[in-house]
N, C-alpha and C. Protein backbone atom coordinates (compact mmCIF):
# COMPACT_ATOMS: atom_id res chain seq x y z
N UNK A 1 -6.75 -0.52 -38.75
CA UNK A 1 -8.12 -0.60 -39.23
C UNK A 1 -8.33 0.43 -40.34
N UNK A 2 -7.78 1.64 -40.18
CA UNK A 2 -7.95 2.66 -41.19
C UNK A 2 -7.27 2.25 -42.49
N UNK A 3 -6.14 1.53 -42.39
CA UNK A 3 -5.44 1.08 -43.58
C UNK A 3 -6.29 0.09 -44.36
N UNK A 4 -6.98 -0.79 -43.64
CA UNK A 4 -7.84 -1.77 -44.29
C UNK A 4 -8.96 -1.06 -45.03
N UNK A 5 -9.57 -0.09 -44.38
CA UNK A 5 -10.66 0.65 -45.00
C UNK A 5 -10.14 1.45 -46.19
N UNK A 6 -8.97 2.06 -46.02
CA UNK A 6 -8.39 2.85 -47.11
C UNK A 6 -8.09 1.98 -48.33
N UNK A 7 -7.73 0.74 -48.12
CA UNK A 7 -7.48 -0.17 -49.23
C UNK A 7 -8.77 -0.76 -49.79
N UNK A 8 -9.74 -0.93 -48.94
CA UNK A 8 -11.00 -1.57 -49.32
C UNK A 8 -11.82 -0.70 -50.27
N UNK A 9 -11.87 0.60 -50.03
CA UNK A 9 -12.69 1.48 -50.83
C UNK A 9 -12.20 1.58 -52.27
N UNK A 10 -10.88 1.79 -52.55
CA UNK A 10 -10.46 1.80 -53.94
C UNK A 10 -10.70 0.45 -54.64
N UNK A 11 -10.53 -0.64 -53.90
CA UNK A 11 -10.81 -1.96 -54.47
C UNK A 11 -12.28 -2.05 -54.86
N UNK A 12 -13.13 -1.53 -54.01
CA UNK A 12 -14.56 -1.52 -54.29
C UNK A 12 -14.85 -0.74 -55.57
N UNK A 13 -14.22 0.41 -55.71
CA UNK A 13 -14.42 1.21 -56.92
C UNK A 13 -13.89 0.50 -58.15
N UNK A 14 -12.77 -0.19 -58.02
CA UNK A 14 -12.20 -0.91 -59.15
C UNK A 14 -13.11 -2.04 -59.61
N UNK A 15 -13.80 -2.67 -58.67
CA UNK A 15 -14.69 -3.77 -59.01
C UNK A 15 -16.00 -3.31 -59.64
N UNK A 16 -16.25 -2.03 -59.58
CA UNK A 16 -17.49 -1.50 -60.13
C UNK A 16 -17.65 -1.85 -61.61
N UNK A 17 -16.58 -1.82 -62.34
CA UNK A 17 -16.64 -2.10 -63.78
C UNK A 17 -17.04 -3.54 -64.06
N UNK A 18 -16.83 -4.42 -63.10
CA UNK A 18 -17.10 -5.85 -63.30
C UNK A 18 -18.45 -6.30 -62.76
N UNK A 19 -19.18 -5.41 -62.14
CA UNK A 19 -20.40 -5.81 -61.45
C UNK A 19 -21.60 -5.14 -62.09
N UNK A 20 -22.67 -5.91 -62.28
CA UNK A 20 -23.91 -5.33 -62.77
C UNK A 20 -24.78 -4.96 -61.57
N UNK A 21 -25.73 -4.09 -61.80
CA UNK A 21 -26.63 -3.66 -60.74
C UNK A 21 -27.72 -4.70 -60.57
N UNK A 22 -27.95 -5.11 -59.31
CA UNK A 22 -29.02 -6.06 -59.02
C UNK A 22 -30.30 -5.31 -58.72
N UNK A 23 -31.42 -5.89 -59.06
CA UNK A 23 -32.71 -5.27 -58.78
C UNK A 23 -33.54 -6.23 -57.96
N UNK A 24 -34.20 -5.70 -56.96
CA UNK A 24 -35.02 -6.54 -56.10
C UNK A 24 -36.38 -5.89 -55.92
N UNK A 25 -37.37 -6.72 -55.66
CA UNK A 25 -38.71 -6.22 -55.40
C UNK A 25 -39.00 -6.46 -53.93
N UNK A 26 -39.41 -5.39 -53.24
CA UNK A 26 -39.71 -5.57 -51.82
C UNK A 26 -41.17 -5.96 -51.64
N UNK A 27 -41.60 -6.08 -50.39
CA UNK A 27 -42.94 -6.59 -50.10
C UNK A 27 -44.05 -5.65 -50.55
N UNK A 28 -43.72 -4.38 -50.78
CA UNK A 28 -44.75 -3.46 -51.23
C UNK A 28 -44.89 -3.47 -52.74
N UNK A 29 -44.05 -4.23 -53.44
CA UNK A 29 -44.13 -4.33 -54.88
C UNK A 29 -43.32 -3.28 -55.61
N UNK A 30 -42.62 -2.41 -54.86
CA UNK A 30 -41.80 -1.41 -55.52
C UNK A 30 -40.42 -2.00 -55.80
N UNK A 31 -39.76 -1.45 -56.77
CA UNK A 31 -38.47 -1.97 -57.16
C UNK A 31 -37.37 -1.05 -56.64
N UNK A 32 -36.34 -1.65 -56.05
CA UNK A 32 -35.20 -0.90 -55.58
C UNK A 32 -33.95 -1.63 -56.02
N UNK A 33 -32.85 -0.91 -56.12
CA UNK A 33 -31.63 -1.59 -56.52
C UNK A 33 -30.46 -1.07 -55.70
N UNK A 34 -29.51 -1.95 -55.51
CA UNK A 34 -28.29 -1.59 -54.81
C UNK A 34 -27.17 -2.40 -55.45
N UNK A 35 -26.20 -1.72 -55.99
CA UNK A 35 -25.12 -2.41 -56.66
C UNK A 35 -24.21 -3.09 -55.65
N UNK A 36 -23.42 -4.00 -56.14
CA UNK A 36 -22.46 -4.67 -55.27
C UNK A 36 -21.47 -3.67 -54.70
N UNK A 37 -21.16 -2.64 -55.46
CA UNK A 37 -20.26 -1.61 -54.97
C UNK A 37 -20.87 -0.88 -53.79
N UNK A 38 -22.16 -0.57 -53.88
CA UNK A 38 -22.82 0.08 -52.76
C UNK A 38 -22.85 -0.83 -51.55
N UNK A 39 -23.07 -2.12 -51.77
CA UNK A 39 -23.09 -3.08 -50.66
C UNK A 39 -21.72 -3.16 -50.00
N UNK A 40 -20.66 -3.19 -50.81
CA UNK A 40 -19.31 -3.23 -50.27
C UNK A 40 -18.98 -1.93 -49.54
N UNK A 41 -19.42 -0.81 -50.13
CA UNK A 41 -19.19 0.49 -49.48
C UNK A 41 -19.90 0.56 -48.14
N UNK A 42 -21.11 0.03 -48.10
CA UNK A 42 -21.87 0.00 -46.85
C UNK A 42 -21.18 -0.88 -45.81
N UNK A 43 -20.66 -2.01 -46.26
CA UNK A 43 -19.94 -2.91 -45.34
C UNK A 43 -18.71 -2.22 -44.76
N UNK A 44 -17.96 -1.52 -45.62
CA UNK A 44 -16.78 -0.79 -45.15
C UNK A 44 -17.18 0.32 -44.19
N UNK A 45 -18.29 0.97 -44.50
CA UNK A 45 -18.77 2.04 -43.64
C UNK A 45 -19.18 1.49 -42.27
N UNK A 46 -19.81 0.32 -42.25
CA UNK A 46 -20.20 -0.30 -40.98
C UNK A 46 -18.99 -0.59 -40.11
N UNK A 47 -17.91 -1.05 -40.73
CA UNK A 47 -16.68 -1.32 -39.98
C UNK A 47 -16.14 -0.03 -39.38
N UNK A 48 -16.09 1.03 -40.19
CA UNK A 48 -15.59 2.32 -39.69
C UNK A 48 -16.50 2.87 -38.60
N UNK A 49 -17.80 2.70 -38.77
CA UNK A 49 -18.76 3.18 -37.77
C UNK A 49 -18.60 2.42 -36.46
N UNK A 50 -18.42 1.12 -36.54
CA UNK A 50 -18.24 0.31 -35.33
C UNK A 50 -16.98 0.75 -34.58
N UNK A 51 -15.90 0.99 -35.31
CA UNK A 51 -14.66 1.45 -34.70
C UNK A 51 -14.85 2.80 -34.04
N UNK A 52 -15.50 3.72 -34.74
CA UNK A 52 -15.75 5.07 -34.20
C UNK A 52 -16.66 5.00 -32.98
N UNK A 53 -17.66 4.15 -33.04
CA UNK A 53 -18.59 3.99 -31.91
C UNK A 53 -17.84 3.53 -30.67
N UNK A 54 -17.00 2.52 -30.83
CA UNK A 54 -16.23 1.99 -29.71
C UNK A 54 -15.36 3.08 -29.08
N UNK A 55 -14.70 3.85 -29.93
CA UNK A 55 -13.85 4.94 -29.45
C UNK A 55 -14.67 5.99 -28.71
N UNK A 56 -15.77 6.42 -29.34
CA UNK A 56 -16.63 7.44 -28.73
C UNK A 56 -17.18 6.96 -27.39
N UNK A 57 -17.64 5.72 -27.36
CA UNK A 57 -18.22 5.18 -26.14
C UNK A 57 -17.18 5.14 -25.02
N UNK A 58 -15.99 4.67 -25.32
CA UNK A 58 -14.94 4.57 -24.31
C UNK A 58 -14.46 5.93 -23.81
N UNK A 59 -14.64 6.98 -24.64
CA UNK A 59 -14.21 8.32 -24.24
C UNK A 59 -15.30 9.14 -23.57
N UNK A 60 -16.49 8.58 -23.45
CA UNK A 60 -17.61 9.29 -22.84
C UNK A 60 -17.57 9.11 -21.32
N UNK A 61 -17.53 10.22 -20.58
CA UNK A 61 -17.49 10.13 -19.11
C UNK A 61 -18.67 9.35 -18.53
N UNK A 62 -19.86 9.51 -19.11
CA UNK A 62 -21.03 8.80 -18.60
C UNK A 62 -20.84 7.28 -18.74
N UNK A 63 -20.25 6.85 -19.86
CA UNK A 63 -19.98 5.43 -20.08
C UNK A 63 -18.95 4.93 -19.07
N UNK A 64 -17.91 5.71 -18.84
CA UNK A 64 -16.87 5.32 -17.90
C UNK A 64 -17.45 5.17 -16.50
N UNK A 65 -18.34 6.08 -16.11
CA UNK A 65 -18.97 6.01 -14.80
C UNK A 65 -19.93 4.82 -14.71
N UNK A 66 -20.74 4.65 -15.74
CA UNK A 66 -21.75 3.58 -15.73
C UNK A 66 -21.13 2.20 -15.72
N UNK A 67 -19.97 2.07 -16.30
CA UNK A 67 -19.35 0.74 -16.40
C UNK A 67 -18.27 0.49 -15.36
N UNK A 68 -18.09 1.41 -14.46
CA UNK A 68 -17.02 1.29 -13.46
C UNK A 68 -17.14 0.01 -12.64
N UNK A 69 -18.35 -0.39 -12.28
CA UNK A 69 -18.54 -1.56 -11.44
C UNK A 69 -18.79 -2.85 -12.23
N UNK A 70 -18.75 -2.76 -13.54
CA UNK A 70 -18.98 -3.95 -14.38
C UNK A 70 -17.69 -4.72 -14.59
N UNK A 71 -17.84 -6.01 -14.85
CA UNK A 71 -16.68 -6.79 -15.23
C UNK A 71 -16.34 -6.45 -16.67
N UNK A 72 -15.15 -6.81 -17.11
CA UNK A 72 -14.74 -6.55 -18.49
C UNK A 72 -15.68 -7.25 -19.48
N UNK A 73 -16.11 -8.44 -19.13
CA UNK A 73 -17.02 -9.19 -20.00
C UNK A 73 -18.36 -8.48 -20.13
N UNK A 74 -18.91 -8.02 -19.01
CA UNK A 74 -20.19 -7.30 -19.05
C UNK A 74 -20.06 -6.02 -19.87
N UNK A 75 -18.98 -5.30 -19.63
CA UNK A 75 -18.74 -4.06 -20.34
C UNK A 75 -18.64 -4.31 -21.85
N UNK A 76 -17.90 -5.34 -22.21
CA UNK A 76 -17.71 -5.65 -23.62
C UNK A 76 -19.02 -6.12 -24.28
N UNK A 77 -19.82 -6.89 -23.56
CA UNK A 77 -21.10 -7.34 -24.10
C UNK A 77 -22.04 -6.16 -24.39
N UNK A 78 -22.13 -5.24 -23.46
CA UNK A 78 -23.00 -4.08 -23.65
C UNK A 78 -22.45 -3.19 -24.76
N UNK A 79 -21.14 -3.01 -24.77
CA UNK A 79 -20.51 -2.21 -25.82
C UNK A 79 -20.76 -2.83 -27.20
N UNK A 80 -20.66 -4.14 -27.29
CA UNK A 80 -20.92 -4.83 -28.56
C UNK A 80 -22.37 -4.66 -28.98
N UNK A 81 -23.27 -4.72 -28.03
CA UNK A 81 -24.70 -4.54 -28.33
C UNK A 81 -24.96 -3.12 -28.84
N UNK A 82 -24.41 -2.13 -28.15
CA UNK A 82 -24.63 -0.73 -28.54
C UNK A 82 -24.00 -0.45 -29.90
N UNK A 83 -22.73 -0.82 -30.07
CA UNK A 83 -22.04 -0.50 -31.33
C UNK A 83 -22.55 -1.36 -32.48
N UNK A 84 -23.05 -2.55 -32.20
CA UNK A 84 -23.69 -3.36 -33.24
C UNK A 84 -24.94 -2.66 -33.73
N UNK A 85 -25.71 -2.13 -32.81
CA UNK A 85 -26.91 -1.37 -33.15
C UNK A 85 -26.54 -0.14 -33.99
N UNK A 86 -25.53 0.58 -33.56
CA UNK A 86 -25.09 1.78 -34.29
C UNK A 86 -24.61 1.39 -35.69
N UNK A 87 -23.87 0.30 -35.80
CA UNK A 87 -23.36 -0.15 -37.10
C UNK A 87 -24.49 -0.51 -38.05
N UNK A 88 -25.60 -1.02 -37.52
CA UNK A 88 -26.74 -1.38 -38.35
C UNK A 88 -27.59 -0.16 -38.73
N UNK A 89 -27.78 0.76 -37.79
CA UNK A 89 -28.68 1.89 -38.02
C UNK A 89 -28.01 3.09 -38.68
N UNK A 90 -26.75 3.35 -38.37
CA UNK A 90 -26.09 4.54 -38.88
C UNK A 90 -26.00 4.60 -40.40
N UNK A 91 -25.70 3.50 -41.10
CA UNK A 91 -25.63 3.60 -42.57
C UNK A 91 -26.94 4.01 -43.22
N UNK A 92 -28.05 3.84 -42.52
CA UNK A 92 -29.34 4.27 -43.07
C UNK A 92 -29.41 5.79 -43.22
N UNK A 93 -28.57 6.51 -42.46
CA UNK A 93 -28.57 7.96 -42.55
C UNK A 93 -27.53 8.48 -43.53
N UNK A 94 -26.84 7.57 -44.23
CA UNK A 94 -25.81 7.95 -45.18
C UNK A 94 -26.34 7.76 -46.59
N UNK A 95 -26.21 8.79 -47.40
CA UNK A 95 -26.71 8.74 -48.77
C UNK A 95 -25.66 8.12 -49.70
N UNK A 96 -26.08 7.79 -50.91
CA UNK A 96 -25.16 7.26 -51.92
C UNK A 96 -24.09 8.30 -52.26
N UNK A 97 -24.47 9.56 -52.25
CA UNK A 97 -23.50 10.64 -52.51
C UNK A 97 -22.44 10.66 -51.41
N UNK A 98 -22.89 10.49 -50.16
CA UNK A 98 -21.94 10.44 -49.04
C UNK A 98 -20.98 9.27 -49.20
N UNK A 99 -21.51 8.12 -49.62
CA UNK A 99 -20.65 6.95 -49.83
C UNK A 99 -19.60 7.22 -50.90
N UNK A 100 -20.01 7.85 -51.98
CA UNK A 100 -19.07 8.17 -53.06
C UNK A 100 -18.02 9.17 -52.58
N UNK A 101 -18.46 10.17 -51.84
CA UNK A 101 -17.54 11.17 -51.30
C UNK A 101 -16.56 10.52 -50.32
N UNK A 102 -17.06 9.63 -49.48
CA UNK A 102 -16.21 8.95 -48.51
C UNK A 102 -15.15 8.10 -49.20
N UNK A 103 -15.48 7.56 -50.36
CA UNK A 103 -14.52 6.73 -51.09
C UNK A 103 -13.36 7.56 -51.63
N UNK A 104 -13.62 8.82 -51.89
CA UNK A 104 -12.61 9.68 -52.51
C UNK A 104 -11.83 10.51 -51.49
N UNK A 105 -12.53 11.01 -50.48
CA UNK A 105 -11.95 11.98 -49.56
C UNK A 105 -11.90 11.44 -48.13
N UNK A 106 -10.71 11.14 -47.62
CA UNK A 106 -10.60 10.61 -46.25
C UNK A 106 -11.15 11.55 -45.18
N UNK A 107 -10.97 12.84 -45.36
CA UNK A 107 -11.49 13.79 -44.37
C UNK A 107 -13.02 13.76 -44.36
N UNK A 108 -13.60 13.69 -45.54
CA UNK A 108 -15.06 13.59 -45.63
C UNK A 108 -15.54 12.29 -45.02
N UNK A 109 -14.80 11.22 -45.26
CA UNK A 109 -15.17 9.91 -44.70
C UNK A 109 -15.24 9.99 -43.17
N UNK A 110 -14.24 10.61 -42.57
CA UNK A 110 -14.23 10.75 -41.11
C UNK A 110 -15.42 11.56 -40.63
N UNK A 111 -15.75 12.63 -41.34
CA UNK A 111 -16.89 13.47 -40.98
C UNK A 111 -18.20 12.71 -41.12
N UNK A 112 -18.35 11.98 -42.22
CA UNK A 112 -19.57 11.21 -42.47
C UNK A 112 -19.76 10.15 -41.40
N UNK A 113 -18.68 9.45 -41.05
CA UNK A 113 -18.74 8.42 -40.02
C UNK A 113 -19.09 9.04 -38.67
N UNK A 114 -18.44 10.14 -38.34
CA UNK A 114 -18.72 10.82 -37.06
C UNK A 114 -20.17 11.26 -36.97
N UNK A 115 -20.68 11.85 -38.05
CA UNK A 115 -22.08 12.30 -38.05
C UNK A 115 -23.04 11.13 -37.92
N UNK A 116 -22.76 10.05 -38.61
CA UNK A 116 -23.64 8.87 -38.55
C UNK A 116 -23.66 8.28 -37.14
N UNK A 117 -22.50 8.21 -36.50
CA UNK A 117 -22.42 7.67 -35.14
C UNK A 117 -23.15 8.59 -34.17
N UNK A 118 -22.92 9.89 -34.30
CA UNK A 118 -23.56 10.86 -33.42
C UNK A 118 -25.08 10.79 -33.51
N UNK A 119 -25.61 10.61 -34.73
CA UNK A 119 -27.06 10.57 -34.93
C UNK A 119 -27.70 9.33 -34.30
N UNK A 120 -26.95 8.25 -34.16
CA UNK A 120 -27.58 6.99 -33.74
C UNK A 120 -27.15 6.45 -32.39
N UNK A 121 -26.05 6.91 -31.85
CA UNK A 121 -25.53 6.28 -30.64
C UNK A 121 -26.48 6.44 -29.45
N UNK A 122 -27.10 7.60 -29.29
CA UNK A 122 -28.00 7.80 -28.14
C UNK A 122 -29.20 6.87 -28.19
N UNK A 123 -29.76 6.70 -29.38
CA UNK A 123 -30.91 5.79 -29.52
C UNK A 123 -30.50 4.36 -29.19
N UNK A 124 -29.32 3.96 -29.60
CA UNK A 124 -28.86 2.59 -29.34
C UNK A 124 -28.52 2.38 -27.87
N UNK A 125 -27.98 3.40 -27.21
CA UNK A 125 -27.73 3.30 -25.77
C UNK A 125 -29.06 3.13 -25.04
N UNK A 126 -30.06 3.90 -25.44
CA UNK A 126 -31.37 3.80 -24.81
C UNK A 126 -31.96 2.40 -25.00
N UNK A 127 -31.80 1.82 -26.20
CA UNK A 127 -32.28 0.47 -26.46
C UNK A 127 -31.56 -0.55 -25.58
N UNK A 128 -30.25 -0.40 -25.43
CA UNK A 128 -29.46 -1.35 -24.65
C UNK A 128 -29.81 -1.29 -23.16
N UNK A 129 -30.15 -0.10 -22.69
CA UNK A 129 -30.47 0.06 -21.28
C UNK A 129 -31.83 -0.55 -20.94
N UNK A 130 -32.76 -0.51 -21.90
CA UNK A 130 -34.11 -1.03 -21.64
C UNK A 130 -34.12 -2.48 -21.55
C-alpha cells in the first residue's frame, strides 16, 4: 500500500503541469477552488488515513476487548464504518501546505497521517457506537 502511495504522489505532481485550476461557487455565493492535484493528493491521503486507521484500531486494547464477542463480519462492518468516517473527516484537518510536504517527505507524510487519524478517530468511534 505504501508503494502505491509513494508512486501516486509523484505522478500527481507531474500531472500538475497539465491541469488547470477549477473554480466553483458554493451555496453561500463565495468562490473556492481546488486543483486536480489537490483532489488527487486528498484521495491518496484518504487511502493512507484509512490504512492507518485500520492499523490503529486493531492495535487498540479497547477495540480488541469490545470486538472479542463479535463475528468477523460484524467486526469488519464496524471497522469499515469507523475508518470510512475517519477517511472522510481527517483530510479536513490537513492543510494544502501539509499536502505539499507529504508529497515530498515520507516521514512528514507519516506524521501528518498519524495526526489526522488521532484527531478524528475518537469522534468517529463515538458516532459508530451511537
